[in-house]
Amino acid sequence: MAYFRGLSNSLNRRFCSVPDLVILDINMPDMSGWQVLEAFEAMELFKKHHIEVLMLTSSEYAEDLAKSREYSLCKGYLTKPLTLQKLSTEFKNLRNGSLTG
């Protein structure tokens, strides 16, 4: 969160690079991925630069997949273990504009 807040404050610099995609784990120690995603949705940075989010989890709960679809920033749902093949497939789906899970 500190990185993205800092990025929001330094966008006036020419050499500032904004990511196109964030892979966000649902299970984290201080904040859940859902809490972080809600914070991202409220940040102008994500809206202005069309930053997309992929949720990453070890959970295959249908409820989590359904919840991920409630967020406009969330463009996909990946389950662990994360492999190069899964990432490649997800990137192709993102290019085609489809939400996956």
PDB file of N, CA and C in Angstrom:
ATOM      1  N   MET A   1       0.822  -1.184   0.000  1.00  0.00           N
ATOM      2  CA  MET A   1       0.000   0.000   0.000  1.00  0.00           C
ATOM      3  C   MET A   1       0.866   1.248   0.000  1.00  0.00           C
ATOM      4  N   ALA A   2       1.938   1.202   0.772  1.00  0.00           N
ATOM      5  CA  ALA A   2       2.833   2.367   0.838  1.00  0.00           C
ATOM      6  C   ALA A   2       3.425   2.671  -0.542  1.00  0.00           C
ATOM      7  N   TYR A   3       3.761   1.626  -1.288  1.00  0.00           N
ATOM      8  CA  TYR A   3       4.321   1.821  -2.629  1.00  0.00           C
ATOM      9  C   TYR A   3       3.328   2.571  -3.517  1.00  0.00           C
ATOM     10  N   PHE A   4       2.067   2.133  -3.521  1.00  0.00           N
ATOM     11  CA  PHE A   4       1.081   2.758  -4.401  1.00  0.00           C
ATOM     12  C   PHE A   4       0.691   4.152  -3.925  1.00  0.00           C
ATOM     13  N   ARG A   5       0.683   4.366  -2.629  1.00  0.00           N
ATOM     14  CA  ARG A   5       0.443   5.729  -2.130  1.00  0.00           C
ATOM     15  C   ARG A   5       1.587   6.649  -2.556  1.00  0.00           C
ATOM     16  N   GLY A   6       2.810   6.151  -2.429  1.00  0.00           N
ATOM     17  CA  GLY A   6       3.967   6.933  -2.854  1.00  0.00           C
ATOM     18  C   GLY A   6       3.955   7.197  -4.343  1.00  0.00           C
ATOM     19  N   LEU A   7       3.545   6.195  -5.097  1.00  0.00           N
ATOM     20  CA  LEU A   7       3.463   6.343  -6.548  1.00  0.00           C
ATOM     21  C   LEU A   7       2.439   7.415  -6.910  1.00  0.00           C
ATOM     22  N   SER A   8       1.326   7.424  -6.212  1.00  0.00           N
ATOM     23  CA  SER A   8       0.299   8.444  -6.446  1.00  0.00           C
ATOM     24  C   SER A   8       0.852   9.837  -6.214  1.00  0.00           C
ATOM     25  N   ASN A   9       1.714   9.972  -5.217  1.00  0.00           N
ATOM     26  CA  ASN A   9       2.276  11.283  -4.881  1.00  0.00           C
ATOM     27  C   ASN A   9       3.405  11.708  -5.802  1.00  0.00           C
ATOM     28  N   SER A  10       3.977  10.791  -6.573  1.00  0.00           N
ATOM     29  CA  SER A  10       5.112  11.157  -7.419  1.00  0.00           C
ATOM     30  C   SER A  10       4.813  11.063  -8.910  1.00  0.00           C
ATOM     31  N   LEU A  11       3.552  11.056  -9.279  1.00  0.00           N
ATOM     32  CA  LEU A  11       3.194  10.935 -10.695  1.00  0.00           C
ATOM     33  C   LEU A  11       3.595  12.140 -11.531  1.00  0.00           C
ATOM     34  N   ASN A  12       3.907  13.240 -10.913  1.00  0.00           N
ATOM     35  CA  ASN A  12       4.306  14.424 -11.670  1.00  0.00           C
ATOM     36  C   ASN A  12       5.726  14.317 -12.207  1.00  0.00           C
ATOM     37  N   ARG A  13       6.454  13.316 -11.741  1.00  0.00           N
ATOM     38  CA  ARG A  13       7.819  13.130 -12.229  1.00  0.00           C
ATOM     39  C   ARG A  13       7.789  12.410 -13.571  1.00  0.00           C
ATOM     40  N   ARG A  14       8.626  12.814 -14.463  1.00  0.00           N
ATOM     41  CA  ARG A  14       8.652  12.211 -15.797  1.00  0.00           C
ATOM     42  C   ARG A  14       9.118  10.766 -15.795  1.00  0.00           C
ATOM     43  N   PHE A  15       9.966  10.402 -14.871  1.00  0.00           N
ATOM     44  CA  PHE A  15      10.557   9.071 -14.868  1.00  0.00           C
ATOM     45  C   PHE A  15       9.756   8.072 -14.027  1.00  0.00           C
ATOM     46  N   CYS A  16       8.580   8.441 -13.619  1.00  0.00           N
ATOM     47  CA  CYS A  16       7.741   7.572 -12.802  1.00  0.00           C
ATOM     48  C   CYS A  16       7.076   6.518 -13.684  1.00  0.00           C
ATOM     49  N   SER A  17       7.188   5.262 -13.303  1.00  0.00           N
ATOM     50  CA  SER A  17       6.613   4.168 -14.069  1.00  0.00           C
ATOM     51  C   SER A  17       5.436   3.577 -13.297  1.00  0.00           C
ATOM     52  N   VAL A  18       4.298   3.453 -13.966  1.00  0.00           N
ATOM     53  CA  VAL A  18       3.088   2.918 -13.357  1.00  0.00           C
ATOM     54  C   VAL A  18       2.855   1.512 -13.912  1.00  0.00           C
ATOM     55  N   PRO A  19       2.632   0.538 -13.039  1.00  0.00           N
ATOM     56  CA  PRO A  19       2.402  -0.829 -13.534  1.00  0.00           C
ATOM     57  C   PRO A  19       1.056  -0.948 -14.247  1.00  0.00           C
ATOM     58  N   ASP A  20       0.972  -1.905 -15.147  1.00  0.00           N
ATOM     59  CA  ASP A  20      -0.291  -2.202 -15.826  1.00  0.00           C
ATOM     60  C   ASP A  20      -1.091  -3.240 -15.074  1.00  0.00           C
ATOM     61  N   LEU A  21      -0.389  -4.046 -14.272  1.00  0.00           N
ATOM     62  CA  LEU A  21      -1.008  -5.191 -13.630  1.00  0.00           C
ATOM     63  C   LEU A  21      -0.420  -5.422 -12.247  1.00  0.00           C
ATOM     64  N   VAL A  22      -1.273  -5.795 -11.301  1.00  0.00           N
ATOM     65  CA  VAL A  22      -0.848  -6.174  -9.957  1.00  0.00           C
ATOM     66  C   VAL A  22      -1.389  -7.571  -9.687  1.00  0.00           C
ATOM     67  N   ILE A  23      -0.514  -8.479  -9.248  1.00  0.00           N
ATOM     68  CA  ILE A  23      -0.953  -9.803  -8.821  1.00  0.00           C
ATOM     69  C   ILE A  23      -1.033  -9.740  -7.305  1.00  0.00           C
ATOM     70  N   LEU A  24      -2.234  -9.938  -6.773  1.00  0.00           N
ATOM     71  CA  LEU A  24      -2.523  -9.695  -5.364  1.00  0.00           C
ATOM     72  C   LEU A  24      -2.969 -10.982  -4.679  1.00  0.00           C
ATOM     73  N   ASP A  25      -2.209 -11.401  -3.673  1.00  0.00           N
ATOM     74  CA  ASP A  25      -2.550 -12.599  -2.915  1.00  0.00           C
ATOM     75  C   ASP A  25      -3.699 -12.277  -1.960  1.00  0.00           C
ATOM     76  N   ILE A  26      -4.672 -13.162  -1.875  1.00  0.00           N
ATOM     77  CA  ILE A  26      -5.807 -12.943  -0.981  1.00  0.00           C
ATOM     78  C   ILE A  26      -5.385 -13.048   0.481  1.00  0.00           C
ATOM     79  N   ASN A  27      -4.513 -14.005   0.783  1.00  0.00           N
ATOM     80  CA  ASN A  27      -4.102 -14.252   2.169  1.00  0.00           C
ATOM     81  C   ASN A  27      -2.753 -13.616   2.460  1.00  0.00           C
ATOM     82  N   MET A  28      -2.805 -12.488   3.169  1.00  0.00           N
ATOM     83  CA  MET A  28      -1.586 -11.788   3.555  1.00  0.00           C
ATOM     84  C   MET A  28      -1.658 -11.505   5.052  1.00  0.00           C
ATOM     85  N   PRO A  29      -0.520 -11.225   5.686  1.00  0.00           N
ATOM     86  CA  PRO A  29      -0.502 -11.109   7.145  1.00  0.00           C
ATOM     87  C   PRO A  29      -1.212  -9.890   7.747  1.00  0.00           C
ATOM     88  N   ASP A  30      -1.023  -8.708   7.236  1.00  0.00           N
ATOM     89  CA  ASP A  30      -1.573  -7.514   7.880  1.00  0.00           C
ATOM     90  C   ASP A  30      -2.945  -7.109   7.347  1.00  0.00           C
ATOM     91  N   MET A  31      -3.118  -7.206   6.069  1.00  0.00           N
ATOM     92  CA  MET A  31      -4.396  -6.890   5.422  1.00  0.00           C
ATOM     93  C   MET A  31      -4.724  -8.041   4.488  1.00  0.00           C
ATOM     94  N   SER A  32      -5.980  -8.352   4.361  1.00  0.00           N
ATOM     95  CA  SER A  32      -6.345  -9.375   3.385  1.00  0.00           C
ATOM     96  C   SER A  32      -6.255  -8.771   1.987  1.00  0.00           C
ATOM     97  N   GLY A  33      -6.145  -9.616   1.001  1.00  0.00           N
ATOM     98  CA  GLY A  33      -6.141  -9.144  -0.376  1.00  0.00           C
ATOM     99  C   GLY A  33      -7.413  -8.382  -0.717  1.00  0.00           C
ATOM    100  N   TRP A  34      -8.525  -8.780  -0.097  1.00  0.00           N
ATOM    101  CA  TRP A  34      -9.799  -8.089  -0.338  1.00  0.00           C
ATOM    102  C   TRP A  34      -9.734  -6.662   0.190  1.00  0.00           C
ATOM    103  N   GLN A  35      -9.118  -6.475   1.356  1.00  0.00           N
ATOM    104  CA  GLN A  35      -8.982  -5.130   1.920  1.00  0.00           C
ATOM    105  C   GLN A  35      -8.090  -4.268   1.033  1.00  0.00           C
ATOM    106  N   VAL A  36      -7.015  -4.854   0.548  1.00  0.00           N
ATOM    107  CA  VAL A  36      -6.107  -4.118  -0.338  1.00  0.00           C
ATOM    108  C   VAL A  36      -6.830  -3.770  -1.642  1.00  0.00           C
ATOM    109  N   LEU A  37      -7.575  -4.723  -2.182  1.00  0.00           N
ATOM    110  CA  LEU A  37      -8.307  -4.476  -3.425  1.00  0.00           C
ATOM    111  C   LEU A  37      -9.327  -3.350  -3.244  1.00  0.00           C
ATOM    112  N   GLU A  38     -10.004  -3.319  -2.110  1.00  0.00           N
ATOM    113  CA  GLU A  38     -10.945  -2.226  -1.838  1.00  0.00           C
ATOM    114  C   GLU A  38     -10.213  -0.883  -1.787  1.00  0.00           C
ATOM    115  N   ALA A  39      -9.039  -0.870  -1.169  1.00  0.00           N
ATOM    116  CA  ALA A  39      -8.247   0.362  -1.120  1.00  0.00           C
ATOM    117  C   ALA A  39      -7.808   0.772  -2.526  1.00  0.00           C
ATOM    118  N   PHE A  40      -7.400  -0.194  -3.334  1.00  0.00           N
ATOM    119  CA  PHE A  40      -7.017   0.106  -4.716  1.00  0.00           C
ATOM    120  C   PHE A  40      -8.188   0.717  -5.489  1.00  0.00           C
ATOM    121  N   GLU A  41      -9.370   0.169  -5.301  1.00  0.00           N
ATOM    122  CA  GLU A  41     -10.550   0.667  -6.016  1.00  0.00           C
ATOM    123  C   GLU A  41     -10.838   2.123  -5.668  1.00  0.00           C
ATOM    124  N   ALA A  42     -10.452   2.534  -4.471  1.00  0.00           N
ATOM    125  CA  ALA A  42     -10.687   3.913  -4.046  1.00  0.00           C
ATOM    126  C   ALA A  42      -9.588   4.866  -4.508  1.00  0.00           C
ATOM    127  N   MET A  43      -8.474   4.338  -4.986  1.00  0.00           N
ATOM    128  CA  MET A  43      -7.343   5.183  -5.383  1.00  0.00           C
ATOM    129  C   MET A  43      -7.521   5.691  -6.818  1.00  0.00           C
ATOM    130  N   GLU A  44      -7.350   6.963  -6.970  1.00  0.00           N
ATOM    131  CA  GLU A  44      -7.439   7.584  -8.290  1.00  0.00           C
ATOM    132  C   GLU A  44      -6.384   7.019  -9.248  1.00  0.00           C
ATOM    133  N   LEU A  45      -5.230   6.664  -8.711  1.00  0.00           N
ATOM    134  CA  LEU A  45      -4.145   6.095  -9.504  1.00  0.00           C
ATOM    135  C   LEU A  45      -4.620   4.908 -10.346  1.00  0.00           C
ATOM    136  N   PHE A  46      -5.381   4.015  -9.744  1.00  0.00           N
ATOM    137  CA  PHE A  46      -5.828   2.818 -10.444  1.00  0.00           C
ATOM    138  C   PHE A  46      -6.853   3.141 -11.520  1.00  0.00           C
ATOM    139  N   LYS A  47      -7.694   4.112 -11.251  1.00  0.00           N
ATOM    140  CA  LYS A  47      -8.702   4.515 -12.234  1.00  0.00           C
ATOM    141  C   LYS A  47      -8.055   5.248 -13.406  1.00  0.00           C
ATOM    142  N   LYS A  48      -7.207   6.197 -13.073  1.00  0.00           N
ATOM    143  CA  LYS A  48      -6.588   7.047 -14.103  1.00  0.00           C
ATOM    144  C   LYS A  48      -5.689   6.256 -15.046  1.00  0.00           C
ATOM    145  N   HIS A  49      -4.964   5.278 -14.513  1.00  0.00           N
ATOM    146  CA  HIS A  49      -3.993   4.540 -15.317  1.00  0.00           C
ATOM    147  C   HIS A  49      -4.468   3.140 -15.710  1.00  0.00           C
ATOM    148  N   HIS A  50      -5.708   2.837 -15.396  1.00  0.00           N
ATOM    149  CA  HIS A  50      -6.314   1.556 -15.788  1.00  0.00           C
ATOM    150  C   HIS A  50      -5.469   0.354 -15.348  1.00  0.00           C
ATOM    151  N   ILE A  51      -5.021   0.394 -14.103  1.00  0.00           N
ATOM    152  CA  ILE A  51      -4.236  -0.718 -13.553  1.00  0.00           C
ATOM    153  C   ILE A  51      -5.190  -1.860 -13.231  1.00  0.00           C
ATOM    154  N   GLU A  52      -4.856  -3.037 -13.701  1.00  0.00           N
ATOM    155  CA  GLU A  52      -5.701  -4.200 -13.469  1.00  0.00           C
ATOM    156  C   GLU A  52      -5.097  -5.079 -12.380  1.00  0.00           C
ATOM    157  N   VAL A  53      -5.937  -5.919 -11.781  1.00  0.00           N
ATOM    158  CA  VAL A  53      -5.522  -6.779 -10.675  1.00  0.00           C
ATOM    159  C   VAL A  53      -5.913  -8.220 -10.970  1.00  0.00           C
ATOM    160  N   LEU A  54      -4.984  -9.122 -10.685  1.00  0.00           N
ATOM    161  CA  LEU A  54      -5.269 -10.556 -10.683  1.00  0.00           C
ATOM    162  C   LEU A  54      -5.190 -11.018  -9.240  1.00  0.00           C
ATOM    163  N   MET A  55      -6.206 -11.711  -8.774  1.00  0.00           N
ATOM    164  CA  MET A  55      -6.194 -12.244  -7.420  1.00  0.00           C
ATOM    165  C   MET A  55      -5.510 -13.604  -7.452  1.00  0.00           C
ATOM    166  N   LEU A  56      -4.677 -13.851  -6.453  1.00  0.00           N
ATOM    167  CA  LEU A  56      -3.922 -15.102  -6.340  1.00  0.00           C
ATOM    168  C   LEU A  56      -4.264 -15.738  -5.007  1.00  0.00           C
ATOM    169  N   THR A  57      -4.552 -17.039  -5.019  1.00  0.00           N
ATOM    170  CA  THR A  57      -4.928 -17.700  -3.785  1.00  0.00           C
ATOM    171  C   THR A  57      -4.700 -19.199  -3.852  1.00  0.00           C
ATOM    172  N   SER A  58      -4.636 -19.808  -2.694  1.00  0.00           N
ATOM    173  CA  SER A  58      -4.594 -21.263  -2.629  1.00  0.00           C
ATOM    174  C   SER A  58      -6.013 -21.810  -2.505  1.00  0.00           C
ATOM    175  N   SER A  59      -6.972 -20.922  -2.377  1.00  0.00           N
ATOM    176  CA  SER A  59      -8.377 -21.282  -2.210  1.00  0.00           C
ATOM    177  C   SER A  59      -9.059 -21.510  -3.548  1.00  0.00           C
ATOM    178  N   GLU A  60      -9.825 -22.549  -3.614  1.00  0.00           N
ATOM    179  CA  GLU A  60     -10.654 -22.772  -4.804  1.00  0.00           C
ATOM    180  C   GLU A  60     -12.123 -22.617  -4.452  1.00  0.00           C
ATOM    181  N   TYR A  61     -12.404 -21.780  -3.433  1.00  0.00           N
ATOM    182  CA  TYR A  61     -13.779 -21.550  -3.001  1.00  0.00           C
ATOM    183  C   TYR A  61     -14.540 -20.769  -4.063  1.00  0.00           C
ATOM    184  N   ALA A  62     -15.707 -21.262  -4.404  1.00  0.00           N
ATOM    185  CA  ALA A  62     -16.553 -20.585  -5.387  1.00  0.00           C
ATOM    186  C   ALA A  62     -16.923 -19.180  -4.905  1.00  0.00           C
ATOM    187  N   GLU A  63     -17.042 -19.020  -3.579  1.00  0.00           N
ATOM    188  CA  GLU A  63     -17.392 -17.712  -3.021  1.00  0.00           C
ATOM    189  C   GLU A  63     -16.307 -16.672  -3.301  1.00  0.00           C
ATOM    190  N   ASP A  64     -15.040 -17.091  -3.215  1.00  0.00           N
ATOM    191  CA  ASP A  64     -13.943 -16.165  -3.494  1.00  0.00           C
ATOM    192  C   ASP A  64     -13.930 -15.769  -4.966  1.00  0.00           C
ATOM    193  N   LEU A  65     -14.154 -16.732  -5.834  1.00  0.00           N
ATOM    194  CA  LEU A  65     -14.204 -16.426  -7.265  1.00  0.00           C
ATOM    195  C   LEU A  65     -15.350 -15.455  -7.546  1.00  0.00           C
ATOM    196  N   ALA A  66     -16.505 -15.722  -6.971  1.00  0.00           N
ATOM    197  CA  ALA A  66     -17.656 -14.831  -7.172  1.00  0.00           C
ATOM    198  C   ALA A  66     -17.359 -13.434  -6.621  1.00  0.00           C
ATOM    199  N   LYS A  67     -16.723 -13.376  -5.464  1.00  0.00           N
ATOM    200  CA  LYS A  67     -16.378 -12.090  -4.856  1.00  0.00           C
ATOM    201  C   LYS A  67     -15.416 -11.306  -5.742  1.00  0.00           C
ATOM    202  N   SER A  68     -14.465 -12.011  -6.361  1.00  0.00           N
ATOM    203  CA  SER A  68     -13.489 -11.322  -7.216  1.00  0.00           C
ATOM    204  C   SER A  68     -14.178 -10.622  -8.384  1.00  0.00           C
ATOM    205  N   ARG A  69     -15.286 -11.161  -8.814  1.00  0.00           N
ATOM    206  CA  ARG A  69     -16.013 -10.575  -9.951  1.00  0.00           C
ATOM    207  C   ARG A  69     -16.807  -9.330  -9.575  1.00  0.00           C
ATOM    208  N   GLU A  70     -16.900  -9.055  -8.284  1.00  0.00           N
ATOM    209  CA  GLU A  70     -17.613  -7.861  -7.823  1.00  0.00           C
ATOM    210  C   GLU A  70     -16.763  -6.597  -7.939  1.00  0.00           C
ATOM    211  N   TYR A  71     -15.477  -6.754  -8.167  1.00  0.00           N
ATOM    212  CA  TYR A  71     -14.551  -5.620  -8.218  1.00  0.00           C
ATOM    213  C   TYR A  71     -14.183  -5.300  -9.659  1.00  0.00           C
ATOM    214  N   SER A  72     -14.337  -4.050 -10.031  1.00  0.00           N
ATOM    215  CA  SER A  72     -14.056  -3.658 -11.415  1.00  0.00           C
ATOM    216  C   SER A  72     -12.582  -3.800 -11.777  1.00  0.00           C
ATOM    217  N   LEU A  73     -11.681  -3.634 -10.811  1.00  0.00           N
ATOM    218  CA  LEU A  73     -10.250  -3.756 -11.097  1.00  0.00           C
ATOM    219  C   LEU A  73      -9.817  -5.205 -11.298  1.00  0.00           C
ATOM    220  N   CYS A  74     -10.531  -6.126 -10.692  1.00  0.00           N
ATOM    221  CA  CYS A  74     -10.128  -7.529 -10.716  1.00  0.00           C
ATOM    222  C   CYS A  74     -10.476  -8.147 -12.067  1.00  0.00           C
ATOM    223  N   LYS A  75      -9.461  -8.592 -12.764  1.00  0.00           N
ATOM    224  CA  LYS A  75      -9.643  -9.153 -14.104  1.00  0.00           C
ATOM    225  C   LYS A  75      -9.386 -10.642 -14.177  1.00  0.00           C
ATOM    226  N   GLY A  76      -9.031 -11.263 -13.041  1.00  0.00           N
ATOM    227  CA  GLY A  76      -8.780 -12.697 -13.050  1.00  0.00           C
ATOM    228  C   GLY A  76      -8.533 -13.230 -11.666  1.00  0.00           C
ATOM    229  N   TYR A  77      -8.568 -14.554 -11.571  1.00  0.00           N
ATOM    230  CA  TYR A  77      -8.449 -15.257 -10.306  1.00  0.00           C
ATOM    231  C   TYR A  77      -7.563 -16.467 -10.551  1.00  0.00           C
ATOM    232  N   LEU A  78      -6.390 -16.458  -9.948  1.00  0.00           N
ATOM    233  CA  LEU A  78      -5.423 -17.538 -10.134  1.00  0.00           C
ATOM    234  C   LEU A  78      -5.292 -18.354  -8.863  1.00  0.00           C
ATOM    235  N   THR A  79      -5.158 -19.673  -9.012  1.00  0.00           N
ATOM    236  CA  THR A  79      -4.936 -20.517  -7.844  1.00  0.00           C
ATOM    237  C   THR A  79      -3.496 -21.015  -7.837  1.00  0.00           C
ATOM    238  N   LYS A  80      -2.983 -21.182  -6.623  1.00  0.00           N
ATOM    239  CA  LYS A  80      -1.635 -21.709  -6.438  1.00  0.00           C
ATOM    240  C   LYS A  80      -1.676 -23.219  -6.615  1.00  0.00           C
ATOM    241  N   PRO A  81      -0.602 -23.818  -7.027  1.00  0.00           N
ATOM    242  CA  PRO A  81       0.691 -23.181  -7.310  1.00  0.00           C
ATOM    243  C   PRO A  81       0.639 -22.406  -8.625  1.00  0.00           C
ATOM    244  N   LEU A  82       1.292 -21.274  -8.612  1.00  0.00           N
ATOM    245  CA  LEU A  82       1.358 -20.424  -9.788  1.00  0.00           C
ATOM    246  C   LEU A  82       2.438 -20.956 -10.718  1.00  0.00           C
ATOM    247  N   THR A  83       2.072 -21.176 -11.954  1.00  0.00           N
ATOM    248  CA  THR A  83       3.025 -21.685 -12.936  1.00  0.00           C
ATOM    249  C   THR A  83       3.134 -20.709 -14.097  1.00  0.00           C
ATOM    250  N   LEU A  84       4.174 -20.871 -14.869  1.00  0.00           N
ATOM    251  CA  LEU A  84       4.359 -20.045 -16.059  1.00  0.00           C
ATOM    252  C   LEU A  84       3.199 -20.256 -17.028  1.00  0.00           C
ATOM    253  N   GLN A  85       2.725 -21.486 -17.134  1.00  0.00           N
ATOM    254  CA  GLN A  85       1.598 -21.787 -18.025  1.00  0.00           C
ATOM    255  C   GLN A  85       0.331 -21.044 -17.578  1.00  0.00           C
ATOM    256  N   LYS A  86       0.048 -21.038 -16.281  1.00  0.00           N
ATOM    257  CA  LYS A  86      -1.129 -20.321 -15.774  1.00  0.00           C
ATOM    258  C   LYS A  86      -1.014 -18.825 -16.061  1.00  0.00           C
ATOM    259  N   LEU A  87       0.165 -18.266 -15.814  1.00  0.00           N
ATOM    260  CA  LEU A  87       0.369 -16.841 -16.082  1.00  0.00           C
ATOM    261  C   LEU A  87       0.216 -16.524 -17.557  1.00  0.00           C
ATOM    262  N   SER A  88       0.788 -17.355 -18.388  1.00  0.00           N
ATOM    263  CA  SER A  88       0.696 -17.148 -19.835  1.00  0.00           C
ATOM    264  C   SER A  88      -0.756 -17.173 -20.298  1.00  0.00           C
ATOM    265  N   THR A  89      -1.506 -18.141 -19.818  1.00  0.00           N
ATOM    266  CA  THR A  89      -2.919 -18.247 -20.175  1.00  0.00           C
ATOM    267  C   THR A  89      -3.683 -17.024 -19.690  1.00  0.00           C
ATOM    268  N   GLU A  90      -3.390 -16.598 -18.473  1.00  0.00           N
ATOM    269  CA  GLU A  90      -4.088 -15.443 -17.907  1.00  0.00           C
ATOM    270  C   GLU A  90      -3.774 -14.171 -18.688  1.00  0.00           C
ATOM    271  N   PHE A  91      -2.530 -13.987 -19.076  1.00  0.00           N
ATOM    272  CA  PHE A  91      -2.166 -12.810 -19.863  1.00  0.00           C
ATOM    273  C   PHE A  91      -2.883 -12.811 -21.210  1.00  0.00           C
ATOM    274  N   LYS A  92      -3.001 -13.959 -21.833  1.00  0.00           N
ATOM    275  CA  LYS A  92      -3.750 -14.054 -23.102  1.00  0.00           C
ATOM    276  C   LYS A  92      -5.211 -13.706 -22.879  1.00  0.00           C
ATOM    277  N   ASN A  93      -5.792 -14.198 -21.787  1.00  0.00           N
ATOM    278  CA  ASN A  93      -7.186 -13.879 -21.491  1.00  0.00           C
ATOM    279  C   ASN A  93      -7.376 -12.393 -21.229  1.00  0.00           C
ATOM    280  N   LEU A  94      -6.433 -11.784 -20.544  1.00  0.00           N
ATOM    281  CA  LEU A  94      -6.518 -10.344 -20.284  1.00  0.00           C
ATOM    282  C   LEU A  94      -6.492  -9.559 -21.588  1.00  0.00           C
ATOM    283  N   ARG A  95      -5.622  -9.956 -22.502  1.00  0.00           N
ATOM    284  CA  ARG A  95      -5.555  -9.290 -23.798  1.00  0.00           C
ATOM    285  C   ARG A  95      -6.884  -9.400 -24.560  1.00  0.00           C
ATOM    286  N   ASN A  96      -7.578 -10.507 -24.342  1.00  0.00           N
ATOM    287  CA  ASN A  96      -8.859 -10.734 -25.007  1.00  0.00           C
ATOM    288  C   ASN A  96     -10.030 -10.132 -24.232  1.00  0.00           C
ATOM    289  N   GLY A  97      -9.749  -9.572 -23.049  1.00  0.00           N
ATOM    290  CA  GLY A  97     -10.785  -8.906 -22.270  1.00  0.00           C
ATOM    291  C   GLY A  97     -11.704  -9.815 -21.499  1.00  0.00           C
ATOM    292  N   SER A  98     -11.257 -11.021 -21.169  1.00  0.00           N
ATOM    293  CA  SER A  98     -12.139 -11.925 -20.450  1.00  0.00           C
ATOM    294  C   SER A  98     -11.691 -12.129 -19.013  1.00  0.00           C
ATOM    295  N   LEU A  99     -12.661 -12.115 -18.104  1.00  0.00           N
ATOM    296  CA  LEU A  99     -12.417 -12.387 -16.693  1.00  0.00           C
ATOM    297  C   LEU A  99     -12.355 -13.891 -16.524  1.00  0.00           C
ATOM    298  N   THR A 100     -11.348 -14.358 -15.814  1.00  0.00           N
ATOM    299  CA  THR A 100     -11.179 -15.793 -15.673  1.00  0.00           C
ATOM    300  C   THR A 100     -11.268 -16.216 -14.226  1.00  0.00           C
ATOM    301  N   GLY A 101     -11.273 -17.510 -14.060  1.00  0.00           N
ATOM    302  CA  GLY A 101     -11.301 -18.052 -12.718  1.00  0.00           C
ATOM    303  C   GLY A 101     -11.161 -19.544 -12.749  1.00  0.00           C
TER     304      GLY A 101
END
